[in-house]
Amino acid sequence: MIEYQIILNVYLPDQGGRTIKQVVSCSDRESAITKFKYLSTLATDKKRQRELNDWAQENLKVPGQIVGTEGLFAVAYIKLLP
């Protein structure tokens, strides 16, 4: 099984201003690539900051301000049956 993961750098002003990494998972390659391009564009375009903040509030486990993308990775899992 292959899962695609986008690693984001997220700034948390409510927690002392620290920056953490968060993972956004996708099940298929095409949606992962599309989402990665979308988030990378939003993170670099200062005019679309509101749209980026809205996306972060809806989709991140620990909402914060996305300050950049770290990368897109494919992760392979092997399912072991008992």
PDB file of N, CA and C in Angstrom:
ATOM      1  N   MET A   1       0.851  -1.166   0.000  1.00  0.00           N
ATOM      2  CA  MET A   1       0.000   0.000   0.000  1.00  0.00           C
ATOM      3  C   MET A   1       0.904   1.239   0.000  1.00  0.00           C
ATOM      4  N   ILE A   2       0.602   2.190  -0.843  1.00  0.00           N
ATOM      5  CA  ILE A   2       1.376   3.424  -0.932  1.00  0.00           C
ATOM      6  C   ILE A   2       0.491   4.597  -0.500  1.00  0.00           C
ATOM      7  N   GLU A   3       1.062   5.439   0.337  1.00  0.00           N
ATOM      8  CA  GLU A   3       0.384   6.649   0.796  1.00  0.00           C
ATOM      9  C   GLU A   3       1.292   7.827   0.455  1.00  0.00           C
ATOM     10  N   TYR A   4       0.702   8.910   0.029  1.00  0.00           N
ATOM     11  CA  TYR A   4       1.461  10.107  -0.313  1.00  0.00           C
ATOM     12  C   TYR A   4       1.302  11.122   0.810  1.00  0.00           C
ATOM     13  N   GLN A   5       2.425  11.695   1.246  1.00  0.00           N
ATOM     14  CA  GLN A   5       2.405  12.608   2.375  1.00  0.00           C
ATOM     15  C   GLN A   5       3.046  13.935   1.998  1.00  0.00           C
ATOM     16  N   ILE A   6       2.349  15.007   2.357  1.00  0.00           N
ATOM     17  CA  ILE A   6       2.857  16.359   2.169  1.00  0.00           C
ATOM     18  C   ILE A   6       3.272  16.853   3.554  1.00  0.00           C
ATOM     19  N   ILE A   7       4.516  17.266   3.672  1.00  0.00           N
ATOM     20  CA  ILE A   7       5.023  17.772   4.945  1.00  0.00           C
ATOM     21  C   ILE A   7       4.951  19.301   4.912  1.00  0.00           C
ATOM     22  N   LEU A   8       4.282  19.873   5.908  1.00  0.00           N
ATOM     23  CA  LEU A   8       4.094  21.320   5.998  1.00  0.00           C
ATOM     24  C   LEU A   8       4.790  21.869   7.236  1.00  0.00           C
ATOM     25  N   ASN A   9       5.336  23.069   7.130  1.00  0.00           N
ATOM     26  CA  ASN A   9       5.843  23.806   8.287  1.00  0.00           C
ATOM     27  C   ASN A   9       4.721  24.716   8.756  1.00  0.00           C
ATOM     28  N   VAL A  10       4.315  24.544  10.015  1.00  0.00           N
ATOM     29  CA  VAL A  10       3.170  25.277  10.556  1.00  0.00           C
ATOM     30  C   VAL A  10       3.608  26.084  11.776  1.00  0.00           C
ATOM     31  N   TYR A  11       3.326  27.366  11.741  1.00  0.00           N
ATOM     32  CA  TYR A  11       3.637  28.277  12.844  1.00  0.00           C
ATOM     33  C   TYR A  11       2.448  28.309  13.800  1.00  0.00           C
ATOM     34  N   LEU A  12       2.725  28.128  15.095  1.00  0.00           N
ATOM     35  CA  LEU A  12       1.678  28.117  16.115  1.00  0.00           C
ATOM     36  C   LEU A  12       1.849  29.316  17.049  1.00  0.00           C
ATOM     37  N   PRO A  13       1.171  30.428  16.775  1.00  0.00           N
ATOM     38  CA  PRO A  13       1.323  31.616  17.619  1.00  0.00           C
ATOM     39  C   PRO A  13       0.764  31.417  19.027  1.00  0.00           C
ATOM     40  N   ASP A  14      -0.233  30.553  19.169  1.00  0.00           N
ATOM     41  CA  ASP A  14      -0.854  30.316  20.476  1.00  0.00           C
ATOM     42  C   ASP A  14       0.026  29.481  21.398  1.00  0.00           C
ATOM     43  N   GLN A  15       1.021  28.805  20.859  1.00  0.00           N
ATOM     44  CA  GLN A  15       1.886  27.939  21.665  1.00  0.00           C
ATOM     45  C   GLN A  15       3.303  28.509  21.755  1.00  0.00           C
ATOM     46  N   GLY A  16       3.392  29.775  22.005  1.00  0.00           N
ATOM     47  CA  GLY A  16       4.691  30.408  22.185  1.00  0.00           C
ATOM     48  C   GLY A  16       5.424  30.728  20.901  1.00  0.00           C
ATOM     49  N   GLY A  17       4.750  30.657  19.779  1.00  0.00           N
ATOM     50  CA  GLY A  17       5.368  31.008  18.506  1.00  0.00           C
ATOM     51  C   GLY A  17       6.299  29.960  17.943  1.00  0.00           C
ATOM     52  N   ARG A  18       6.093  28.711  18.281  1.00  0.00           N
ATOM     53  CA  ARG A  18       6.961  27.661  17.743  1.00  0.00           C
ATOM     54  C   ARG A  18       6.452  27.169  16.398  1.00  0.00           C
ATOM     55  N   THR A  19       7.341  26.547  15.644  1.00  0.00           N
ATOM     56  CA  THR A  19       7.006  25.997  14.338  1.00  0.00           C
ATOM     57  C   THR A  19       7.132  24.481  14.405  1.00  0.00           C
ATOM     58  N   ILE A  20       6.107  23.789  13.889  1.00  0.00           N
ATOM     59  CA  ILE A  20       6.110  22.331  13.876  1.00  0.00           C
ATOM     60  C   ILE A  20       5.917  21.839  12.450  1.00  0.00           C
ATOM     61  N   LYS A  21       6.151  20.565  12.257  1.00  0.00           N
ATOM     62  CA  LYS A  21       5.886  19.923  10.961  1.00  0.00           C
ATOM     63  C   LYS A  21       4.616  19.107  11.097  1.00  0.00           C
ATOM     64  N   GLN A  22       3.749  19.207  10.095  1.00  0.00           N
ATOM     65  CA  GLN A  22       2.528  18.410  10.070  1.00  0.00           C
ATOM     66  C   GLN A  22       2.445  17.671   8.748  1.00  0.00           C
ATOM     67  N   VAL A  23       1.814  16.513   8.780  1.00  0.00           N
ATOM     68  CA  VAL A  23       1.684  15.667   7.606  1.00  0.00           C
ATOM     69  C   VAL A  23       0.240  15.697   7.118  1.00  0.00           C
ATOM     70  N   VAL A  24       0.067  15.909   5.820  1.00  0.00           N
ATOM     71  CA  VAL A  24      -1.228  15.796   5.160  1.00  0.00           C
ATOM     72  C   VAL A  24      -1.121  14.582   4.244  1.00  0.00           C
ATOM     73  N   SER A  25      -1.974  13.596   4.464  1.00  0.00           N
ATOM     74  CA  SER A  25      -1.904  12.341   3.708  1.00  0.00           C
ATOM     75  C   SER A  25      -2.905  12.318   2.569  1.00  0.00           C
ATOM     76  N   CYS A  26      -2.514  11.670   1.483  1.00  0.00           N
ATOM     77  CA  CYS A  26      -3.373  11.470   0.315  1.00  0.00           C
ATOM     78  C   CYS A  26      -3.249  10.013  -0.108  1.00  0.00           C
ATOM     79  N   SER A  27      -4.322   9.476  -0.638  1.00  0.00           N
ATOM     80  CA  SER A  27      -4.299   8.068  -1.021  1.00  0.00           C
ATOM     81  C   SER A  27      -3.848   7.831  -2.452  1.00  0.00           C
ATOM     82  N   ASP A  28      -4.010   8.819  -3.320  1.00  0.00           N
ATOM     83  CA  ASP A  28      -3.579   8.602  -4.706  1.00  0.00           C
ATOM     84  C   ASP A  28      -2.612   9.695  -5.153  1.00  0.00           C
ATOM     85  N   ARG A  29      -1.814   9.350  -6.124  1.00  0.00           N
ATOM     86  CA  ARG A  29      -0.711  10.189  -6.587  1.00  0.00           C
ATOM     87  C   ARG A  29      -1.172  11.513  -7.170  1.00  0.00           C
ATOM     88  N   GLU A  30      -2.169  11.481  -8.018  1.00  0.00           N
ATOM     89  CA  GLU A  30      -2.617  12.692  -8.710  1.00  0.00           C
ATOM     90  C   GLU A  30      -3.182  13.732  -7.743  1.00  0.00           C
ATOM     91  N   SER A  31      -3.988  13.296  -6.785  1.00  0.00           N
ATOM     92  CA  SER A  31      -4.532  14.260  -5.818  1.00  0.00           C
ATOM     93  C   SER A  31      -3.432  14.814  -4.921  1.00  0.00           C
ATOM     94  N   ALA A  32      -2.422  14.003  -4.605  1.00  0.00           N
ATOM     95  CA  ALA A  32      -1.298  14.471  -3.792  1.00  0.00           C
ATOM     96  C   ALA A  32      -0.510  15.546  -4.533  1.00  0.00           C
ATOM     97  N   ILE A  33      -0.253  15.327  -5.799  1.00  0.00           N
ATOM     98  CA  ILE A  33       0.490  16.305  -6.598  1.00  0.00           C
ATOM     99  C   ILE A  33      -0.302  17.600  -6.729  1.00  0.00           C
ATOM    100  N   THR A  34      -1.587  17.480  -6.991  1.00  0.00           N
ATOM    101  CA  THR A  34      -2.442  18.662  -7.119  1.00  0.00           C
ATOM    102  C   THR A  34      -2.494  19.446  -5.818  1.00  0.00           C
ATOM    103  N   LYS A  35      -2.667  18.744  -4.703  1.00  0.00           N
ATOM    104  CA  LYS A  35      -2.742  19.399  -3.401  1.00  0.00           C
ATOM    105  C   LYS A  35      -1.405  20.051  -3.044  1.00  0.00           C
ATOM    106  N   PHE A  36      -0.292  19.380  -3.359  1.00  0.00           N
ATOM    107  CA  PHE A  36       1.033  19.934  -3.073  1.00  0.00           C
ATOM    108  C   PHE A  36       1.268  21.221  -3.869  1.00  0.00           C
ATOM    109  N   LYS A  37       0.920  21.215  -5.148  1.00  0.00           N
ATOM    110  CA  LYS A  37       1.072  22.425  -5.968  1.00  0.00           C
ATOM    111  C   LYS A  37       0.208  23.557  -5.429  1.00  0.00           C
ATOM    112  N   TYR A  38      -1.016  23.230  -5.054  1.00  0.00           N
ATOM    113  CA  TYR A  38      -1.952  24.220  -4.523  1.00  0.00           C
ATOM    114  C   TYR A  38      -1.404  24.842  -3.240  1.00  0.00           C
ATOM    115  N   LEU A  39      -0.948  24.004  -2.302  1.00  0.00           N
ATOM    116  CA  LEU A  39      -0.429  24.510  -1.032  1.00  0.00           C
ATOM    117  C   LEU A  39       0.872  25.286  -1.212  1.00  0.00           C
ATOM    118  N   SER A  40       1.721  24.833  -2.109  1.00  0.00           N
ATOM    119  CA  SER A  40       2.973  25.555  -2.373  1.00  0.00           C
ATOM    120  C   SER A  40       2.689  26.936  -2.942  1.00  0.00           C
ATOM    121  N   THR A  41       1.721  27.020  -3.840  1.00  0.00           N
ATOM    122  CA  THR A  41       1.332  28.302  -4.422  1.00  0.00           C
ATOM    123  C   THR A  41       0.753  29.226  -3.361  1.00  0.00           C
ATOM    124  N   LEU A  42      -0.129  28.694  -2.520  1.00  0.00           N
ATOM    125  CA  LEU A  42      -0.729  29.514  -1.472  1.00  0.00           C
ATOM    126  C   LEU A  42       0.313  29.999  -0.467  1.00  0.00           C
ATOM    127  N   ALA A  43       1.271  29.140  -0.135  1.00  0.00           N
ATOM    128  CA  ALA A  43       2.283  29.498   0.863  1.00  0.00           C
ATOM    129  C   ALA A  43       3.219  30.605   0.373  1.00  0.00           C
ATOM    130  N   THR A  44       3.408  30.708  -0.933  1.00  0.00           N
ATOM    131  CA  THR A  44       4.314  31.722  -1.470  1.00  0.00           C
ATOM    132  C   THR A  44       3.599  32.995  -1.921  1.00  0.00           C
ATOM    133  N   ASP A  45       2.288  32.939  -2.116  1.00  0.00           N
ATOM    134  CA  ASP A  45       1.516  34.091  -2.584  1.00  0.00           C
ATOM    135  C   ASP A  45       0.904  34.824  -1.388  1.00  0.00           C
ATOM    136  N   LYS A  46       1.440  35.963  -1.040  1.00  0.00           N
ATOM    137  CA  LYS A  46       0.979  36.718   0.129  1.00  0.00           C
ATOM    138  C   LYS A  46      -0.435  37.276  -0.050  1.00  0.00           C
ATOM    139  N   LYS A  47      -0.898  37.416  -1.287  1.00  0.00           N
ATOM    140  CA  LYS A  47      -2.233  37.939  -1.538  1.00  0.00           C
ATOM    141  C   LYS A  47      -3.319  36.907  -1.224  1.00  0.00           C
ATOM    142  N   ARG A  48      -2.931  35.637  -1.152  1.00  0.00           N
ATOM    143  CA  ARG A  48      -3.904  34.573  -0.893  1.00  0.00           C
ATOM    144  C   ARG A  48      -3.751  34.002   0.518  1.00  0.00           C
ATOM    145  N   GLN A  49      -3.245  34.808   1.444  1.00  0.00           N
ATOM    146  CA  GLN A  49      -3.006  34.370   2.822  1.00  0.00           C
ATOM    147  C   GLN A  49      -4.295  33.946   3.512  1.00  0.00           C
ATOM    148  N   ARG A  50      -5.369  34.638   3.265  1.00  0.00           N
ATOM    149  CA  ARG A  50      -6.667  34.304   3.887  1.00  0.00           C
ATOM    150  C   ARG A  50      -7.124  32.911   3.451  1.00  0.00           C
ATOM    151  N   GLU A  51      -6.984  32.614   2.170  1.00  0.00           N
ATOM    152  CA  GLU A  51      -7.368  31.305   1.640  1.00  0.00           C
ATOM    153  C   GLU A  51      -6.514  30.202   2.276  1.00  0.00           C
ATOM    154  N   LEU A  52      -5.228  30.455   2.451  1.00  0.00           N
ATOM    155  CA  LEU A  52      -4.328  29.500   3.084  1.00  0.00           C
ATOM    156  C   LEU A  52      -4.709  29.268   4.543  1.00  0.00           C
ATOM    157  N   ASN A  53      -5.019  30.334   5.265  1.00  0.00           N
ATOM    158  CA  ASN A  53      -5.426  30.197   6.666  1.00  0.00           C
ATOM    159  C   ASN A  53      -6.737  29.435   6.797  1.00  0.00           C
ATOM    160  N   ASP A  54      -7.678  29.682   5.904  1.00  0.00           N
ATOM    161  CA  ASP A  54      -8.946  28.944   5.927  1.00  0.00           C
ATOM    162  C   ASP A  54      -8.713  27.457   5.679  1.00  0.00           C
ATOM    163  N   TRP A  55      -7.839  27.133   4.714  1.00  0.00           N
ATOM    164  CA  TRP A  55      -7.527  25.730   4.424  1.00  0.00           C
ATOM    165  C   TRP A  55      -6.892  25.063   5.642  1.00  0.00           C
ATOM    166  N   ALA A  56      -5.982  25.761   6.297  1.00  0.00           N
ATOM    167  CA  ALA A  56      -5.302  25.215   7.479  1.00  0.00           C
ATOM    168  C   ALA A  56      -6.281  24.957   8.611  1.00  0.00           C
ATOM    169  N   GLN A  57      -7.223  25.861   8.823  1.00  0.00           N
ATOM    170  CA  GLN A  57      -8.208  25.679   9.890  1.00  0.00           C
ATOM    171  C   GLN A  57      -9.092  24.461   9.643  1.00  0.00           C
ATOM    172  N   GLU A  58      -9.402  24.178   8.384  1.00  0.00           N
ATOM    173  CA  GLU A  58     -10.287  23.074   8.040  1.00  0.00           C
ATOM    174  C   GLU A  58      -9.576  21.726   7.962  1.00  0.00           C
ATOM    175  N   ASN A  59      -8.283  21.702   7.621  1.00  0.00           N
ATOM    176  CA  ASN A  59      -7.633  20.442   7.271  1.00  0.00           C
ATOM    177  C   ASN A  59      -6.484  19.988   8.166  1.00  0.00           C
ATOM    178  N   LEU A  60      -6.000  20.820   9.052  1.00  0.00           N
ATOM    179  CA  LEU A  60      -4.865  20.424   9.879  1.00  0.00           C
ATOM    180  C   LEU A  60      -5.326  19.931  11.248  1.00  0.00           C
ATOM    181  N   LYS A  61      -4.578  18.987  11.800  1.00  0.00           N
ATOM    182  CA  LYS A  61      -4.892  18.459  13.132  1.00  0.00           C
ATOM    183  C   LYS A  61      -4.690  19.522  14.196  1.00  0.00           C
ATOM    184  N   VAL A  62      -3.595  20.268  14.101  1.00  0.00           N
ATOM    185  CA  VAL A  62      -3.300  21.382  15.004  1.00  0.00           C
ATOM    186  C   VAL A  62      -3.300  22.639  14.141  1.00  0.00           C
ATOM    187  N   PRO A  63      -4.425  23.366  14.094  1.00  0.00           N
ATOM    188  CA  PRO A  63      -4.496  24.540  13.221  1.00  0.00           C
ATOM    189  C   PRO A  63      -3.461  25.595  13.580  1.00  0.00           C
ATOM    190  N   GLY A  64      -2.883  26.173  12.571  1.00  0.00           N
ATOM    191  CA  GLY A  64      -1.893  27.232  12.723  1.00  0.00           C
ATOM    192  C   GLY A  64      -1.719  27.914  11.378  1.00  0.00           C
ATOM    193  N   GLN A  65      -0.630  28.643  11.231  1.00  0.00           N
ATOM    194  CA  GLN A  65      -0.338  29.339   9.984  1.00  0.00           C
ATOM    195  C   GLN A  65       0.712  28.544   9.209  1.00  0.00           C
ATOM    196  N   ILE A  66       0.352  28.125   8.017  1.00  0.00           N
ATOM    197  CA  ILE A  66       1.297  27.391   7.174  1.00  0.00           C
ATOM    198  C   ILE A  66       2.325  28.383   6.648  1.00  0.00           C
ATOM    199  N   VAL A  67       3.601  28.122   6.924  1.00  0.00           N
ATOM    200  CA  VAL A  67       4.648  29.029   6.472  1.00  0.00           C
ATOM    201  C   VAL A  67       5.434  28.468   5.295  1.00  0.00           C
ATOM    202  N   GLY A  68       5.219  27.202   4.972  1.00  0.00           N
ATOM    203  CA  GLY A  68       5.914  26.620   3.828  1.00  0.00           C
ATOM    204  C   GLY A  68       5.675  25.127   3.717  1.00  0.00           C
ATOM    205  N   THR A  69       6.053  24.595   2.562  1.00  0.00           N
ATOM    206  CA  THR A  69       5.958  23.157   2.340  1.00  0.00           C
ATOM    207  C   THR A  69       7.358  22.564   2.398  1.00  0.00           C
ATOM    208  N   GLU A  70       7.466  21.425   3.007  1.00  0.00           N
ATOM    209  CA  GLU A  70       8.750  20.749   3.149  1.00  0.00           C
ATOM    210  C   GLU A  70       8.995  19.792   1.987  1.00  0.00           C
ATOM    211  N   GLY A  71       7.916  19.149   1.515  1.00  0.00           N
ATOM    212  CA  GLY A  71       8.072  18.221   0.400  1.00  0.00           C
ATOM    213  C   GLY A  71       6.896  17.284   0.269  1.00  0.00           C
ATOM    214  N   LEU A  72       6.924  16.514  -0.810  1.00  0.00           N
ATOM    215  CA  LEU A  72       5.918  15.498  -1.098  1.00  0.00           C
ATOM    216  C   LEU A  72       6.637  14.165  -1.163  1.00  0.00           C
ATOM    217  N   PHE A  73       6.173  13.213  -0.371  1.00  0.00           N
ATOM    218  CA  PHE A  73       6.827  11.917  -0.274  1.00  0.00           C
ATOM    219  C   PHE A  73       5.824  10.793  -0.474  1.00  0.00           C
ATOM    220  N   ALA A  74       6.285   9.706  -1.050  1.00  0.00           N
ATOM    221  CA  ALA A  74       5.495   8.493  -1.169  1.00  0.00           C
ATOM    222  C   ALA A  74       6.005   7.527  -0.100  1.00  0.00           C
ATOM    223  N   VAL A  75       5.095   6.996   0.685  1.00  0.00           N
ATOM    224  CA  VAL A  75       5.458   6.097   1.763  1.00  0.00           C
ATOM    225  C   VAL A  75       4.787   4.762   1.501  1.00  0.00           C
ATOM    226  N   ALA A  76       5.554   3.694   1.512  1.00  0.00           N
ATOM    227  CA  ALA A  76       5.020   2.350   1.260  1.00  0.00           C
ATOM    228  C   ALA A  76       4.821   1.638   2.590  1.00  0.00           C
ATOM    229  N   TYR A  77       3.669   1.020   2.723  1.00  0.00           N
ATOM    230  CA  TYR A  77       3.354   0.229   3.909  1.00  0.00           C
ATOM    231  C   TYR A  77       3.131  -1.212   3.497  1.00  0.00           C
ATOM    232  N   ILE A  78       3.560  -2.117   4.337  1.00  0.00           N
ATOM    233  CA  ILE A  78       3.290  -3.532   4.115  1.00  0.00           C
ATOM    234  C   ILE A  78       2.334  -3.996   5.200  1.00  0.00           C
ATOM    235  N   LYS A  79       1.227  -4.545   4.802  1.00  0.00           N
ATOM    236  CA  LYS A  79       0.236  -5.007   5.746  1.00  0.00           C
ATOM    237  C   LYS A  79       0.498  -6.478   6.060  1.00  0.00           C
ATOM    238  N   LEU A  80       0.752  -6.749   7.314  1.00  0.00           N
ATOM    239  CA  LEU A  80       1.004  -8.127   7.745  1.00  0.00           C
ATOM    240  C   LEU A  80      -0.283  -8.724   8.281  1.00  0.00           C
ATOM    241  N   LEU A  81      -0.616  -9.862   7.766  1.00  0.00           N
ATOM    242  CA  LEU A  81      -1.805 -10.559   8.210  1.00  0.00           C
ATOM    243  C   LEU A  81      -1.434 -11.589   9.268  1.00  0.00           C
ATOM    244  N   PRO A  82      -2.248 -11.754  10.314  1.00  0.00           N
ATOM    245  CA  PRO A  82      -1.915 -12.726  11.364  1.00  0.00           C
ATOM    246  C   PRO A  82      -2.059 -14.154  10.898  1.00  0.00           C
TER     247      PRO A  82
END
